[in-house]
Amino acid sequence: MQHYKFLVIGRGIMGSAAAMHLAEATGGVAMLGPTEAMAEDSVSVPKASHYDVGRVTRIADPDPFWSGVAKRSIARYRMLEEATGQKIFNETGFMWADRDESRVTETLETTRNAGGKMSRLPHSEVVRRFPYFNIERNVSILYQDGDGGTINPRAYVAAMTDRAIQLGADLIDGYARNIETTSDGVQVKMSNGEKVTAGRAMIATGAYAAFDGLSSVSVPLKTNKHTLVLVEVSEATAKGEFAEMPSLMSQPHEDRIGTFTLPPLQYPDGKFYMKIGIEDSRPPVGNMDELNAWFRSGDDPELNSQLVQELTTLMPSLDTSKWDWLACVTTDTPDRRPVIGLIEDGKICLQVGGNGYSAKSGDALGELGASLLLEQKWPGPVPAIELAPDRFGNG
């Protein structure tokens, strides 16, 4: 039976980040999770929402916590790229167009306080610099120049996994069935029936944390469905007209839907796609089978059409005739902040609830959990108690 000082259960963005930071600080680290979950046909194997090539990244946010961890993570993208050879960051800037002036003012102040280079753009400047955008004249527009654009979540996971291995961590390909505490640590039973033990462990199983039963502490996680549309763009157009297109978050007036749009990115099929998405208002996922089914074949033809129409409104010159859809989920908490805290007398760290932010801020989030397991100084932008699992009254 293998034994480690630290075992990270879950090899998504937060899990791989935690393993990397643990391996940087000490030896005896392992990370447990399936290598390419979406390639599995079995409905019992956990899937992953990070299997995409583009997510919005930015410092800009009205919440100081999310601005802070984004700033800390983005500052290390390039170092991670250099250390692993993985290309993860497409730094084309970020734009926020919003009808809510109070939210705009709050976002601008918070972003600047976090060190982000953000300013207001007059409509005439948007027309001059980004003529392909058709943004309403009566909304406020913020622009973050640098430290924003898109991040490749697949490459981010691969880079942090590679870095953890460079630093001495072991990789265990599989997934956990259950975890038990022992007198000297934890024992984990894996999907193949084998067991692995560790002095301490982290549970970072993403959307599956709501259903996998690994944690003895219940937290109110809600797994929300998301529908994304990919519009095919020619390589010449992607590398020409849209080469410096910023990512865009748009909150137009109430007769339209709020969306996020990414510049064209090359996907594994070799083609370039521009992605537009929205947070859906449908009932959340109810169980693991439903979650797996959504990842594999979740579709909403009516919402897909709405998204294509909204992209046509935002970018009238774009040919939206060729498009496909993509299913995703986020795991949200009631206060829209993650759960990062110790349980089981400090033998286990629970690190879940990315709230749709972990793709860009995984490095800093993993660092917080790793620091707790290591009993080092809490490096977070808020007191540790504000992210503890028992803040929802489940203590």
Protein backbone atom coordinates (compact mmCIF):
# COMPACT_ATOMS: atom_id res chain seq x y z
CA MET A 1 0.00 0.00 0.00
CA GLN A 2 1.42 3.38 -1.03
CA HIS A 3 1.82 6.02 1.66
CA TYR A 4 2.36 9.76 1.21
CA LYS A 5 2.67 12.80 3.41
CA PHE A 6 0.08 14.65 1.33
CA LEU A 7 -2.50 13.32 -1.13
CA VAL A 8 -4.57 15.63 -3.34
CA ILE A 9 -7.81 14.03 -4.53
CA GLY A 10 -8.90 15.70 -7.76
CA ARG A 11 -6.73 16.77 -10.67
CA GLY A 12 -8.72 19.72 -11.94
CA ILE A 13 -7.49 23.27 -11.75
CA MET A 14 -7.62 23.75 -7.98
CA GLY A 15 -6.35 20.25 -7.26
CA SER A 16 -3.39 20.41 -9.61
CA ALA A 17 -2.51 23.85 -8.24
CA ALA A 18 -2.57 22.57 -4.66
CA ALA A 19 -0.36 19.61 -5.59
CA MET A 20 2.10 21.96 -7.26
CA HIS A 21 2.37 24.20 -4.20
CA LEU A 22 2.64 21.24 -1.83
CA ALA A 23 5.42 19.70 -3.95
CA GLU A 24 7.25 23.02 -3.98
CA ALA A 25 7.28 23.03 -0.18
CA THR A 26 7.89 19.39 0.69
CA GLY A 27 8.34 15.83 -0.53
CA GLY A 28 5.95 12.91 -0.30
CA VAL A 29 3.17 14.47 -2.40
CA ALA A 30 0.78 12.62 -4.73
CA MET A 31 -2.22 13.68 -6.81
CA LEU A 32 -5.05 11.31 -7.57
CA GLY A 33 -7.41 11.70 -10.51
CA PRO A 34 -8.20 10.42 -14.03
CA THR A 35 -5.86 11.69 -16.73
CA GLU A 36 -8.46 12.45 -19.40
CA ALA A 37 -11.87 11.95 -17.85
CA MET A 38 -13.89 13.05 -20.86
CA ALA A 39 -12.35 10.25 -22.95
CA GLU A 40 -14.03 7.64 -20.74
CA ASP A 41 -17.28 6.06 -21.92
CA SER A 42 -18.26 4.83 -18.47
CA VAL A 43 -20.90 7.05 -16.87
CA SER A 44 -19.42 6.25 -13.46
CA VAL A 45 -16.10 7.96 -14.18
CA PRO A 46 -16.02 11.61 -13.09
CA LYS A 47 -15.85 14.06 -15.99
CA ALA A 48 -14.43 17.57 -15.88
CA SER A 49 -15.61 21.01 -16.90
CA HIS A 50 -12.10 22.29 -17.62
CA TYR A 51 -11.83 20.28 -20.85
CA ASP A 52 -12.08 23.32 -23.08
CA VAL A 53 -9.37 25.59 -24.51
CA GLY A 54 -10.64 29.04 -23.55
CA ARG A 55 -11.89 30.83 -20.46
CA VAL A 56 -12.01 34.53 -19.70
CA THR A 57 -9.24 35.75 -17.43
CA ARG A 58 -9.09 39.16 -15.79
CA ILE A 59 -8.39 40.98 -12.54
CA ALA A 60 -11.59 43.00 -12.96
CA ASP A 61 -14.28 42.07 -10.44
CA PRO A 62 -16.50 43.90 -7.94
CA ASP A 63 -15.47 41.41 -5.20
CA PRO A 64 -12.02 42.16 -3.70
CA PHE A 65 -11.46 38.48 -2.94
CA TRP A 66 -11.78 37.42 -6.57
CA SER A 67 -9.77 40.41 -7.80
CA GLY A 68 -7.00 39.51 -5.34
CA VAL A 69 -6.67 35.82 -6.19
CA ALA A 70 -6.90 36.61 -9.91
CA LYS A 71 -4.08 39.12 -9.64
CA ARG A 72 -1.91 36.63 -7.75
CA SER A 73 -2.59 33.85 -10.28
CA ILE A 74 -2.21 35.92 -13.45
CA ALA A 75 1.16 37.24 -12.22
CA ARG A 76 2.47 33.66 -12.32
CA TYR A 77 1.09 32.52 -15.71
CA ARG A 78 4.26 33.39 -17.59
CA MET A 79 6.54 31.74 -15.01
CA LEU A 80 4.48 28.57 -15.28
CA GLU A 81 4.69 28.70 -19.08
CA GLU A 82 8.47 29.06 -18.94
CA ALA A 83 8.85 26.21 -16.46
CA THR A 84 6.72 23.71 -18.39
CA GLY A 85 6.62 24.81 -22.03
CA GLN A 86 2.81 24.91 -21.91
CA LYS A 87 1.17 27.94 -23.59
CA ILE A 88 -1.68 28.94 -21.31
CA PHE A 89 -2.21 32.72 -21.56
CA ASN A 90 -3.50 34.76 -24.49
CA GLU A 91 -3.05 38.33 -23.22
CA THR A 92 -5.37 40.41 -25.41
CA GLY A 93 -7.07 42.45 -22.68
CA PHE A 94 -10.53 42.44 -21.17
CA MET A 95 -13.61 44.62 -21.70
CA TRP A 96 -16.66 44.99 -19.44
CA ALA A 97 -19.82 46.60 -20.87
CA ASP A 98 -22.53 47.08 -18.26
CA ARG A 99 -25.85 48.92 -17.91
CA ASP A 100 -25.45 49.01 -14.08
CA GLU A 101 -23.39 52.12 -13.31
CA SER A 102 -23.02 51.26 -9.61
CA ARG A 103 -21.52 47.86 -10.49
CA VAL A 104 -19.21 49.52 -13.00
CA THR A 105 -17.97 52.02 -10.42
CA GLU A 106 -17.43 49.28 -7.84
CA THR A 107 -15.60 47.07 -10.34
CA LEU A 108 -13.32 49.89 -11.44
CA GLU A 109 -12.37 50.78 -7.86
CA THR A 110 -11.83 47.18 -6.75
CA THR A 111 -9.76 46.33 -9.82
CA ARG A 112 -7.50 49.34 -9.38
CA ASN A 113 -7.06 48.54 -5.70
CA ALA A 114 -5.90 45.05 -6.71
CA GLY A 115 -3.34 46.54 -9.09
CA GLY A 116 -5.23 46.10 -12.33
CA LYS A 117 -4.78 48.63 -15.12
CA MET A 118 -8.42 49.44 -15.80
CA SER A 119 -10.05 52.57 -17.19
CA ARG A 120 -13.31 53.77 -18.68
CA LEU A 121 -13.53 53.86 -22.46
CA PRO A 122 -15.80 56.33 -24.25
CA HIS A 123 -17.97 54.78 -26.92
CA SER A 124 -16.05 56.60 -29.65
CA GLU A 125 -12.81 54.97 -28.49
CA VAL A 126 -14.40 51.51 -28.59
CA VAL A 127 -15.56 52.16 -32.17
CA ARG A 128 -12.07 53.29 -33.16
CA ARG A 129 -10.08 50.50 -31.48
CA PHE A 130 -12.55 47.62 -31.73
CA PRO A 131 -14.76 48.31 -34.76
CA TYR A 132 -16.15 44.77 -34.80
CA PHE A 133 -18.02 45.35 -31.49
CA ASN A 134 -21.52 46.82 -31.54
CA ILE A 135 -21.97 47.95 -27.93
CA GLU A 136 -24.94 50.03 -26.82
CA ARG A 137 -24.20 53.71 -26.42
CA ASN A 138 -26.01 53.96 -23.10
CA VAL A 139 -23.90 51.38 -21.22
CA SER A 140 -20.64 52.03 -19.38
CA ILE A 141 -17.49 50.42 -20.76
CA LEU A 142 -14.40 49.42 -18.79
CA TYR A 143 -11.18 48.16 -20.35
CA GLN A 144 -8.37 46.29 -18.63
CA ASP A 145 -5.19 46.65 -20.64
CA GLY A 146 -2.90 43.73 -19.89
CA ASP A 147 -3.31 40.96 -17.29
CA GLY A 148 -6.44 39.84 -19.10
CA GLY A 149 -7.72 37.97 -22.13
CA THR A 150 -8.11 34.20 -22.21
CA ILE A 151 -6.56 31.23 -20.50
CA ASN A 152 -6.45 27.67 -21.81
CA PRO A 153 -7.76 25.57 -18.88
CA ARG A 154 -6.56 22.29 -20.38
CA ALA A 155 -3.04 23.65 -20.70
CA TYR A 156 -3.27 25.24 -17.24
CA VAL A 157 -4.04 21.87 -15.64
CA ALA A 158 -1.31 20.21 -17.70
CA ALA A 159 1.21 22.89 -16.75
CA MET A 160 0.53 22.71 -13.03
CA THR A 161 0.54 18.90 -13.17
CA ASP A 162 3.86 18.94 -15.06
CA ARG A 163 5.30 21.40 -12.56
CA ALA A 164 4.20 19.30 -9.60
CA ILE A 165 5.88 16.26 -11.16
CA GLN A 166 9.05 18.29 -11.84
CA LEU A 167 9.06 19.12 -8.13
CA GLY A 168 8.79 15.45 -7.16
CA ALA A 169 5.06 14.73 -6.88
CA ASP A 170 3.64 11.37 -7.92
CA LEU A 171 0.63 11.06 -10.22
CA ILE A 172 -1.96 8.35 -9.57
CA ASP A 173 -4.33 7.75 -12.48
CA GLY A 174 -7.72 6.85 -11.05
CA TYR A 175 -10.33 8.28 -8.75
CA ALA A 176 -11.38 7.96 -5.13
CA ARG A 177 -14.35 5.85 -4.05
CA ASN A 178 -14.17 6.80 -0.38
CA ILE A 179 -11.87 8.29 2.24
CA GLU A 180 -11.55 7.35 5.91
CA THR A 181 -9.53 8.94 8.67
CA THR A 182 -7.14 6.78 10.68
CA SER A 183 -5.09 7.35 13.80
CA ASP A 184 -2.17 8.60 11.74
CA GLY A 185 -3.86 10.15 8.71
CA VAL A 186 -6.27 9.03 5.99
CA GLN A 187 -6.92 5.96 3.88
CA VAL A 188 -8.39 6.29 0.39
CA LYS A 189 -9.99 3.45 -1.54
CA MET A 190 -9.60 3.96 -5.28
CA SER A 191 -11.79 2.99 -8.24
CA ASN A 192 -9.66 -0.11 -8.96
CA GLY A 193 -10.02 -1.37 -5.40
CA GLU A 194 -6.50 -0.45 -4.36
CA LYS A 195 -5.85 1.73 -1.33
CA VAL A 196 -3.47 4.59 -0.68
CA THR A 197 -2.72 6.25 2.64
CA ALA A 198 -1.46 9.70 3.54
CA GLY A 199 -0.72 11.80 6.57
CA ARG A 200 -3.09 14.47 5.25
CA ALA A 201 -5.31 14.81 2.20
CA MET A 202 -7.14 17.41 0.18
CA ILE A 203 -10.54 16.94 -1.44
CA ALA A 204 -10.68 19.06 -4.62
CA THR A 205 -13.16 17.17 -6.79
CA GLY A 206 -14.86 20.13 -8.44
CA ALA A 207 -18.47 19.67 -9.48
CA TYR A 208 -18.43 16.09 -8.17
CA ALA A 209 -17.91 17.31 -4.61
CA ALA A 210 -21.67 17.89 -4.45
CA PHE A 211 -22.36 14.20 -5.05
CA ASP A 212 -19.29 12.01 -4.43
CA GLY A 213 -19.73 11.72 -0.63
CA LEU A 214 -15.99 11.96 0.06
CA SER A 215 -16.34 14.77 2.61
CA SER A 216 -17.84 14.15 6.04
CA VAL A 217 -18.90 17.79 6.16
CA SER A 218 -21.86 18.89 4.11
CA VAL A 219 -21.66 22.28 2.42
CA PRO A 220 -24.45 23.83 0.32
CA LEU A 221 -22.94 23.39 -3.13
CA LYS A 222 -25.11 23.99 -6.19
CA THR A 223 -23.97 22.58 -9.51
CA ASN A 224 -25.29 24.84 -12.26
CA LYS A 225 -25.57 23.99 -15.93
CA HIS A 226 -24.08 26.29 -18.54
CA THR A 227 -24.62 26.33 -22.28
CA LEU A 228 -21.85 27.62 -24.55
CA VAL A 229 -21.87 28.19 -28.30
CA LEU A 230 -18.78 27.93 -30.52
CA VAL A 231 -18.94 29.86 -33.79
CA GLU A 232 -16.43 28.76 -36.39
CA VAL A 233 -14.08 31.47 -37.69
CA SER A 234 -11.54 31.09 -40.48
CA GLU A 235 -7.89 30.95 -39.51
CA ALA A 236 -7.17 34.06 -41.59
CA THR A 237 -9.89 36.02 -39.79
CA ALA A 238 -8.82 34.74 -36.37
CA LYS A 239 -5.20 35.75 -36.94
CA GLY A 240 -6.09 38.93 -38.81
CA GLU A 241 -9.13 41.01 -37.90
CA PHE A 242 -9.58 39.42 -34.46
CA ALA A 243 -5.92 38.86 -33.54
CA GLU A 244 -6.04 41.41 -30.71
CA MET A 245 -9.68 41.05 -29.73
CA PRO A 246 -10.19 41.32 -25.95
CA SER A 247 -12.48 39.00 -24.06
CA LEU A 248 -15.81 40.68 -23.36
CA MET A 249 -18.38 40.52 -20.61
CA SER A 250 -21.62 42.18 -21.65
CA GLN A 251 -24.58 43.14 -19.46
CA PRO A 252 -26.82 45.02 -21.90
CA HIS A 253 -30.30 46.31 -21.18
CA GLU A 254 -33.01 43.95 -19.97
CA ASP A 255 -34.41 43.02 -23.38
CA ARG A 256 -31.16 41.14 -24.11
CA ILE A 257 -29.20 38.43 -22.30
CA GLY A 258 -25.95 38.99 -20.44
CA THR A 259 -23.03 37.05 -21.94
CA PHE A 260 -19.29 36.57 -22.07
CA THR A 261 -17.47 36.33 -25.41
CA LEU A 262 -13.96 35.09 -26.13
CA PRO A 263 -11.77 35.87 -29.15
CA PRO A 264 -11.25 33.04 -31.67
CA LEU A 265 -9.11 30.20 -30.34
CA GLN A 266 -7.83 27.04 -32.01
CA TYR A 267 -9.51 23.86 -30.74
CA PRO A 268 -8.21 20.26 -30.88
CA ASP A 269 -9.94 19.70 -34.25
CA GLY A 270 -7.61 22.35 -35.72
CA LYS A 271 -10.40 24.86 -36.35
CA PHE A 272 -10.83 28.29 -34.79
CA TYR A 273 -13.94 29.11 -32.77
CA MET A 274 -15.30 32.18 -31.05
CA LYS A 275 -17.12 31.24 -27.84
CA ILE A 276 -20.13 32.93 -26.27
CA GLY A 277 -21.77 31.78 -23.07
CA ILE A 278 -24.30 32.59 -20.38
CA GLU A 279 -25.11 31.42 -16.88
CA ASP A 280 -28.30 29.43 -17.27
CA SER A 281 -31.34 29.84 -15.04
CA ARG A 282 -32.48 26.20 -15.22
CA PRO A 283 -32.73 23.92 -12.17
CA PRO A 284 -29.28 22.81 -10.96
CA VAL A 285 -27.89 19.32 -11.50
CA GLY A 286 -29.48 16.86 -9.06
CA ASN A 287 -27.13 13.86 -8.98
CA MET A 288 -23.97 12.37 -10.43
CA ASP A 289 -25.66 10.54 -13.30
CA GLU A 290 -27.34 13.77 -14.38
CA LEU A 291 -24.03 15.59 -14.14
CA ASN A 292 -22.23 13.04 -16.31
CA ALA A 293 -25.07 13.08 -18.83
CA TRP A 294 -24.95 16.88 -19.03
CA PHE A 295 -21.20 16.91 -19.64
CA ARG A 296 -21.58 14.34 -22.40
CA SER A 297 -24.69 15.52 -24.22
CA GLY A 298 -26.23 18.52 -22.48
CA ASP A 299 -27.94 20.71 -25.04
CA ASP A 300 -30.53 23.49 -25.13
CA PRO A 301 -31.50 24.34 -28.74
CA GLU A 302 -33.55 27.39 -27.73
CA LEU A 303 -30.76 28.92 -25.66
CA ASN A 304 -28.20 28.04 -28.33
CA SER A 305 -30.22 30.09 -30.82
CA GLN A 306 -30.42 32.98 -28.35
CA LEU A 307 -26.66 32.96 -27.94
CA VAL A 308 -26.05 32.94 -31.69
CA GLN A 309 -28.46 35.86 -32.05
CA GLU A 310 -26.77 37.79 -29.24
CA LEU A 311 -23.35 37.26 -30.82
CA THR A 312 -24.78 38.52 -34.12
CA THR A 313 -25.99 41.64 -32.29
CA LEU A 314 -22.66 42.17 -30.55
CA MET A 315 -20.61 41.53 -33.70
CA PRO A 316 -22.76 42.23 -36.80
CA SER A 317 -19.96 41.61 -39.28
CA LEU A 318 -19.25 38.11 -37.95
CA ASP A 319 -20.46 35.14 -39.98
CA THR A 320 -22.34 33.00 -37.43
CA SER A 321 -23.65 30.42 -39.88
CA LYS A 322 -21.36 27.61 -38.66
CA TRP A 323 -21.62 26.87 -34.97
CA ASP A 324 -21.65 24.10 -32.39
CA TRP A 325 -22.43 23.90 -28.68
CA LEU A 326 -20.55 22.89 -25.56
CA ALA A 327 -21.83 21.87 -22.10
CA CYS A 328 -20.22 23.10 -18.90
CA VAL A 329 -21.05 23.50 -15.21
CA THR A 330 -20.00 25.63 -12.28
CA THR A 331 -20.12 24.66 -8.62
CA ASP A 332 -21.45 27.57 -6.61
CA THR A 333 -21.77 28.44 -2.94
CA PRO A 334 -24.44 30.74 -1.41
CA ASP A 335 -21.97 33.60 -0.88
CA ARG A 336 -20.15 33.10 -4.22
CA ARG A 337 -16.82 32.36 -2.51
CA PRO A 338 -14.97 29.03 -2.35
CA VAL A 339 -14.90 26.59 0.53
CA ILE A 340 -11.29 26.17 1.66
CA GLY A 341 -10.80 24.83 5.17
CA LEU A 342 -9.67 21.99 7.40
CA ILE A 343 -11.95 19.19 8.61
CA GLU A 344 -11.41 15.91 10.47
CA ASP A 345 -9.03 17.45 13.04
CA GLY A 346 -6.89 18.95 10.31
CA LYS A 347 -6.30 15.68 8.47
CA ILE A 348 -8.32 16.78 5.44
CA CYS A 349 -8.59 20.10 3.62
CA LEU A 350 -11.81 20.65 1.72
CA GLN A 351 -11.26 22.87 -1.33
CA VAL A 352 -14.39 23.17 -3.48
CA GLY A 353 -16.81 25.72 -4.90
CA GLY A 354 -15.00 27.62 -7.65
CA ASN A 355 -18.15 29.64 -8.48
CA GLY A 356 -17.02 29.95 -12.11
CA TYR A 357 -13.78 31.69 -11.14
CA SER A 358 -11.36 28.83 -10.59
CA ALA A 359 -10.28 28.53 -14.24
CA LYS A 360 -8.37 31.81 -14.07
CA SER A 361 -7.48 31.85 -10.36
CA GLY A 362 -6.68 28.20 -9.71
CA ASP A 363 -3.03 28.83 -8.82
CA ALA A 364 -3.84 31.15 -5.91
CA LEU A 365 -6.80 29.06 -4.73
CA GLY A 366 -4.66 25.92 -4.65
CA GLU A 367 -2.01 27.85 -2.77
CA LEU A 368 -4.51 28.68 -0.02
CA GLY A 369 -5.46 25.05 0.51
CA ALA A 370 -1.87 23.86 0.36
CA SER A 371 -0.88 26.44 2.96
CA LEU A 372 -3.53 25.16 5.35
CA LEU A 373 -2.35 21.56 4.98
CA LEU A 374 1.24 22.67 5.50
CA GLU A 375 0.27 24.81 8.53
CA GLN A 376 2.03 27.75 6.98
CA LYS A 377 0.95 31.37 7.04
CA TRP A 378 -2.41 31.94 5.37
CA PRO A 379 -1.59 33.99 2.23
CA GLY A 380 -5.16 34.84 1.38
CA PRO A 381 -6.78 38.21 0.68
CA VAL A 382 -9.42 37.50 3.36
CA PRO A 383 -9.19 35.84 6.80
CA ALA A 384 -9.21 32.03 6.61
CA ILE A 385 -12.37 31.88 8.70
CA GLU A 386 -14.32 33.58 5.89
CA LEU A 387 -13.75 30.55 3.62
CA ALA A 388 -14.14 27.82 6.27
CA PRO A 389 -16.67 25.02 5.58
CA ASP A 390 -18.64 25.74 8.78
CA ARG A 391 -19.48 29.33 7.79
CA PHE A 392 -22.81 28.05 6.48
CA GLY A 393 -23.79 26.61 9.85
CA ASN A 394 -22.77 23.00 9.23
CA GLY A 395 -20.04 22.94 11.82
